[in-house]
Every structure is written in structure tokens, then in C-alpha cells.
Amino acid sequence: MIYDFVMSLISIYSWTLVIYILMSWFPGARESSIGRFLGSICEPYLEVFRRIIPPIGMLDISPIVAIFVLNFFIRTGVNVLFSWIVW
């Protein structure tokens, strides 16, 4: 039950990241109240990757890496953690 709850939270956060990233394609979307709210949730996580991975010209690939790391954590880290706790 706890495992399902944690997986649901991580999945929701992953979709929140995708929505926030897609909002960058629309002018003024991030300045809206929803955009600011999503920014307050997503930017702390994305900022870690932006410090490590510089933009390539006009392309910022750090959000792609951030989503990849989150999905990797979902597939391995959470499963290992919960199998260790249950065992």
C-alpha cells in the first residue's frame, strides 16, 4: 500500500515536470498562476541538473536528463528500497 502511494506520487511529479517543460513552448505560460505554482514545485529539482549540464546553444537538455533520472529511480531505486524494507 505504501509502495503504491509512493509510486503514484512519483508518477504525478513526473507528469508535473513534463507539463512544466511543455509550458516553456507557450509565451507567458510560466508567468501564469499555474506556471508559477508548477515552477515552485519543479524548479528546485531541475536546478540541480541545470548546474551540472550547461545548455547547448539554445537547447537545454537538463530537463530531459532530469526526467530520465526520475524514471530510473522509479524503476530501480524505489523497487530496491521497498524490497529491502519488506525483506
N, C-alpha and C. Protein backbone atom coordinates (compact mmCIF):
# COMPACT_ATOMS: atom_id res chain seq x y z
N MET A 1 0.82 -1.19 0.00
CA MET A 1 0.00 0.00 0.00
C MET A 1 0.87 1.26 0.00
N ILE A 2 1.88 1.28 0.83
CA ILE A 2 2.78 2.43 0.86
C ILE A 2 3.55 2.53 -0.45
N TYR A 3 3.95 1.37 -0.96
CA TYR A 3 4.67 1.33 -2.23
C TYR A 3 3.83 1.96 -3.34
N ASP A 4 2.57 1.58 -3.42
CA ASP A 4 1.69 2.14 -4.45
C ASP A 4 1.52 3.64 -4.29
N PHE A 5 1.43 4.10 -3.05
CA PHE A 5 1.29 5.53 -2.79
C PHE A 5 2.53 6.30 -3.23
N VAL A 6 3.70 5.79 -2.88
CA VAL A 6 4.95 6.44 -3.28
C VAL A 6 5.10 6.44 -4.79
N MET A 7 4.79 5.32 -5.42
CA MET A 7 4.87 5.25 -6.88
C MET A 7 3.90 6.23 -7.54
N SER A 8 2.72 6.38 -6.97
CA SER A 8 1.75 7.34 -7.51
C SER A 8 2.26 8.76 -7.38
N LEU A 9 2.84 9.10 -6.24
CA LEU A 9 3.39 10.44 -6.05
C LEU A 9 4.51 10.74 -7.04
N ILE A 10 5.39 9.78 -7.24
CA ILE A 10 6.49 9.98 -8.18
C ILE A 10 5.97 10.09 -9.61
N SER A 11 4.97 9.31 -9.94
CA SER A 11 4.37 9.39 -11.27
C SER A 11 3.71 10.75 -11.49
N ILE A 12 3.00 11.24 -10.50
CA ILE A 12 2.37 12.57 -10.59
C ILE A 12 3.44 13.63 -10.75
N TYR A 13 4.53 13.52 -9.99
CA TYR A 13 5.60 14.50 -10.10
C TYR A 13 6.25 14.45 -11.49
N SER A 14 6.41 13.27 -12.03
CA SER A 14 6.98 13.13 -13.37
C SER A 14 6.10 13.82 -14.40
N TRP A 15 4.80 13.64 -14.32
CA TRP A 15 3.89 14.31 -15.25
C TRP A 15 3.87 15.82 -15.02
N THR A 16 4.03 16.23 -13.77
CA THR A 16 4.12 17.66 -13.47
C THR A 16 5.34 18.26 -14.15
N LEU A 17 6.46 17.55 -14.13
CA LEU A 17 7.66 18.01 -14.82
C LEU A 17 7.42 18.14 -16.32
N VAL A 18 6.77 17.15 -16.91
CA VAL A 18 6.50 17.19 -18.35
C VAL A 18 5.62 18.39 -18.70
N ILE A 19 4.59 18.62 -17.92
CA ILE A 19 3.70 19.76 -18.17
C ILE A 19 4.46 21.07 -18.03
N TYR A 20 5.28 21.17 -16.99
CA TYR A 20 6.06 22.40 -16.78
C TYR A 20 7.03 22.64 -17.93
N ILE A 21 7.66 21.59 -18.41
CA ILE A 21 8.60 21.73 -19.53
C ILE A 21 7.86 22.14 -20.80
N LEU A 22 6.71 21.55 -21.05
CA LEU A 22 5.93 21.91 -22.24
C LEU A 22 5.42 23.35 -22.17
N MET A 23 5.22 23.86 -20.97
CA MET A 23 4.76 25.24 -20.82
C MET A 23 5.79 26.24 -21.33
N SER A 24 7.04 25.83 -21.42
CA SER A 24 8.08 26.75 -21.91
C SER A 24 7.89 27.05 -23.39
N TRP A 25 7.11 26.25 -24.10
CA TRP A 25 6.88 26.47 -25.52
C TRP A 25 5.82 27.54 -25.77
N PHE A 26 5.07 27.89 -24.74
CA PHE A 26 3.99 28.86 -24.89
C PHE A 26 4.36 30.16 -24.18
N PRO A 27 4.37 31.28 -24.91
CA PRO A 27 4.76 32.55 -24.30
C PRO A 27 3.84 32.93 -23.13
N GLY A 28 4.44 33.27 -22.03
CA GLY A 28 3.69 33.74 -20.87
C GLY A 28 3.07 32.64 -20.03
N ALA A 29 3.19 31.40 -20.43
CA ALA A 29 2.54 30.32 -19.68
C ALA A 29 3.17 30.14 -18.30
N ARG A 30 4.47 30.29 -18.21
CA ARG A 30 5.14 30.12 -16.91
C ARG A 30 4.90 31.30 -15.98
N GLU A 31 4.44 32.42 -16.52
CA GLU A 31 4.16 33.58 -15.68
C GLU A 31 2.74 33.55 -15.12
N SER A 32 1.92 32.61 -15.58
CA SER A 32 0.56 32.47 -15.06
C SER A 32 0.62 31.90 -13.64
N SER A 33 -0.50 31.92 -12.95
CA SER A 33 -0.52 31.41 -11.58
C SER A 33 -0.21 29.91 -11.56
N ILE A 34 -0.71 29.18 -12.54
CA ILE A 34 -0.41 27.74 -12.61
C ILE A 34 1.07 27.53 -12.92
N GLY A 35 1.61 28.33 -13.83
CA GLY A 35 3.02 28.22 -14.18
C GLY A 35 3.93 28.52 -13.01
N ARG A 36 3.58 29.54 -12.22
CA ARG A 36 4.38 29.86 -11.03
C ARG A 36 4.30 28.75 -9.99
N PHE A 37 3.10 28.18 -9.84
CA PHE A 37 2.93 27.08 -8.89
C PHE A 37 3.77 25.87 -9.32
N LEU A 38 3.66 25.50 -10.59
CA LEU A 38 4.45 24.37 -11.09
C LEU A 38 5.94 24.67 -11.00
N GLY A 39 6.33 25.93 -11.24
CA GLY A 39 7.72 26.32 -11.13
C GLY A 39 8.25 26.15 -9.72
N SER A 40 7.42 26.48 -8.73
CA SER A 40 7.87 26.33 -7.34
C SER A 40 8.06 24.87 -6.97
N ILE A 41 7.36 23.98 -7.66
CA ILE A 41 7.50 22.55 -7.40
C ILE A 41 8.64 21.94 -8.22
N CYS A 42 8.76 22.35 -9.47
CA CYS A 42 9.70 21.70 -10.40
C CYS A 42 11.09 22.31 -10.43
N GLU A 43 11.19 23.62 -10.28
CA GLU A 43 12.49 24.28 -10.43
C GLU A 43 13.57 23.79 -9.46
N PRO A 44 13.26 23.53 -8.18
CA PRO A 44 14.34 23.03 -7.31
C PRO A 44 14.98 21.73 -7.82
N TYR A 45 14.17 20.84 -8.35
CA TYR A 45 14.70 19.58 -8.90
C TYR A 45 15.45 19.83 -10.20
N LEU A 46 14.89 20.66 -11.08
CA LEU A 46 15.53 20.93 -12.36
C LEU A 46 16.82 21.73 -12.20
N GLU A 47 16.88 22.58 -11.19
CA GLU A 47 18.06 23.42 -10.99
C GLU A 47 19.31 22.59 -10.70
N VAL A 48 19.14 21.46 -10.05
CA VAL A 48 20.27 20.56 -9.78
C VAL A 48 20.91 20.14 -11.10
N PHE A 49 20.10 19.79 -12.07
CA PHE A 49 20.62 19.33 -13.36
C PHE A 49 21.11 20.49 -14.22
N ARG A 50 20.53 21.66 -14.06
CA ARG A 50 20.98 22.82 -14.83
C ARG A 50 22.37 23.27 -14.38
N ARG A 51 22.70 23.06 -13.11
CA ARG A 51 24.04 23.40 -12.63
C ARG A 51 25.08 22.45 -13.20
N ILE A 52 24.70 21.21 -13.45
CA ILE A 52 25.63 20.19 -13.94
C ILE A 52 25.74 20.22 -15.46
N ILE A 53 24.61 20.36 -16.14
CA ILE A 53 24.56 20.26 -17.61
C ILE A 53 24.28 21.64 -18.21
N PRO A 54 25.28 22.25 -18.83
CA PRO A 54 25.04 23.57 -19.44
C PRO A 54 24.20 23.45 -20.71
N PRO A 55 23.48 24.51 -21.06
CA PRO A 55 22.71 24.48 -22.32
C PRO A 55 23.64 24.36 -23.53
N ILE A 56 23.16 23.67 -24.55
CA ILE A 56 23.90 23.54 -25.80
C ILE A 56 23.26 24.51 -26.78
N GLY A 57 23.87 25.66 -26.95
CA GLY A 57 23.27 26.70 -27.78
C GLY A 57 21.98 27.17 -27.14
N MET A 58 20.88 27.05 -27.87
CA MET A 58 19.57 27.43 -27.35
C MET A 58 18.82 26.24 -26.74
N LEU A 59 19.44 25.07 -26.72
CA LEU A 59 18.78 23.85 -26.26
C LEU A 59 19.24 23.49 -24.85
N ASP A 60 18.28 23.40 -23.95
CA ASP A 60 18.55 22.99 -22.58
C ASP A 60 18.11 21.54 -22.43
N ILE A 61 19.09 20.63 -22.35
CA ILE A 61 18.75 19.21 -22.26
C ILE A 61 18.63 18.73 -20.81
N SER A 62 18.87 19.61 -19.85
CA SER A 62 18.81 19.20 -18.45
C SER A 62 17.44 18.66 -18.04
N PRO A 63 16.31 19.21 -18.53
CA PRO A 63 15.02 18.59 -18.16
C PRO A 63 14.86 17.16 -18.67
N ILE A 64 15.42 16.87 -19.83
CA ILE A 64 15.35 15.50 -20.36
C ILE A 64 16.13 14.56 -19.44
N VAL A 65 17.31 14.99 -19.02
CA VAL A 65 18.12 14.18 -18.12
C VAL A 65 17.42 14.04 -16.77
N ALA A 66 16.78 15.11 -16.30
CA ALA A 66 16.07 15.07 -15.02
C ALA A 66 14.94 14.05 -15.05
N ILE A 67 14.19 14.02 -16.13
CA ILE A 67 13.10 13.05 -16.25
C ILE A 67 13.66 11.64 -16.37
N PHE A 68 14.75 11.47 -17.10
CA PHE A 68 15.39 10.17 -17.23
C PHE A 68 15.84 9.66 -15.86
N VAL A 69 16.46 10.52 -15.06
CA VAL A 69 16.93 10.13 -13.73
C VAL A 69 15.75 9.77 -12.83
N LEU A 70 14.68 10.55 -12.90
CA LEU A 70 13.49 10.25 -12.10
C LEU A 70 12.90 8.90 -12.50
N ASN A 71 12.80 8.62 -13.78
CA ASN A 71 12.27 7.33 -14.24
C ASN A 71 13.20 6.18 -13.86
N PHE A 72 14.51 6.41 -13.92
CA PHE A 72 15.47 5.39 -13.49
C PHE A 72 15.28 5.10 -12.01
N PHE A 73 15.08 6.15 -11.22
CA PHE A 73 14.85 5.97 -9.78
C PHE A 73 13.56 5.19 -9.54
N ILE A 74 12.54 5.47 -10.33
CA ILE A 74 11.28 4.74 -10.19
C ILE A 74 11.50 3.26 -10.44
N ARG A 75 12.24 2.95 -11.49
CA ARG A 75 12.40 1.54 -11.88
C ARG A 75 13.35 0.77 -10.98
N THR A 76 14.36 1.43 -10.44
CA THR A 76 15.35 0.69 -9.66
C THR A 76 15.33 1.06 -8.19
N GLY A 77 15.49 2.33 -7.91
CA GLY A 77 15.66 2.77 -6.53
C GLY A 77 14.50 2.46 -5.63
N VAL A 78 13.30 2.77 -6.07
CA VAL A 78 12.13 2.53 -5.24
C VAL A 78 11.91 1.03 -5.05
N ASN A 79 12.08 0.26 -6.11
CA ASN A 79 11.91 -1.19 -6.00
C ASN A 79 12.92 -1.80 -5.04
N VAL A 80 14.16 -1.38 -5.14
CA VAL A 80 15.19 -1.90 -4.24
C VAL A 80 14.91 -1.47 -2.81
N LEU A 81 14.53 -0.22 -2.62
CA LEU A 81 14.25 0.29 -1.28
C LEU A 81 13.11 -0.48 -0.62
N PHE A 82 12.02 -0.66 -1.34
CA PHE A 82 10.89 -1.35 -0.75
C PHE A 82 11.14 -2.85 -0.59
N SER A 83 11.90 -3.46 -1.46
CA SER A 83 12.21 -4.87 -1.27
C SER A 83 13.12 -5.04 -0.06
N TRP A 84 13.97 -4.06 0.21
CA TRP A 84 14.84 -4.10 1.38
C TRP A 84 14.03 -3.90 2.65
N ILE A 85 13.05 -2.99 2.62
CA ILE A 85 12.22 -2.73 3.80
C ILE A 85 11.34 -3.93 4.12
N VAL A 86 10.73 -4.51 3.10
CA VAL A 86 9.82 -5.63 3.29
C VAL A 86 10.58 -6.89 3.69
N TRP A 87 11.76 -7.05 3.16
CA TRP A 87 12.52 -8.25 3.42
C TRP A 87 13.01 -8.23 4.83
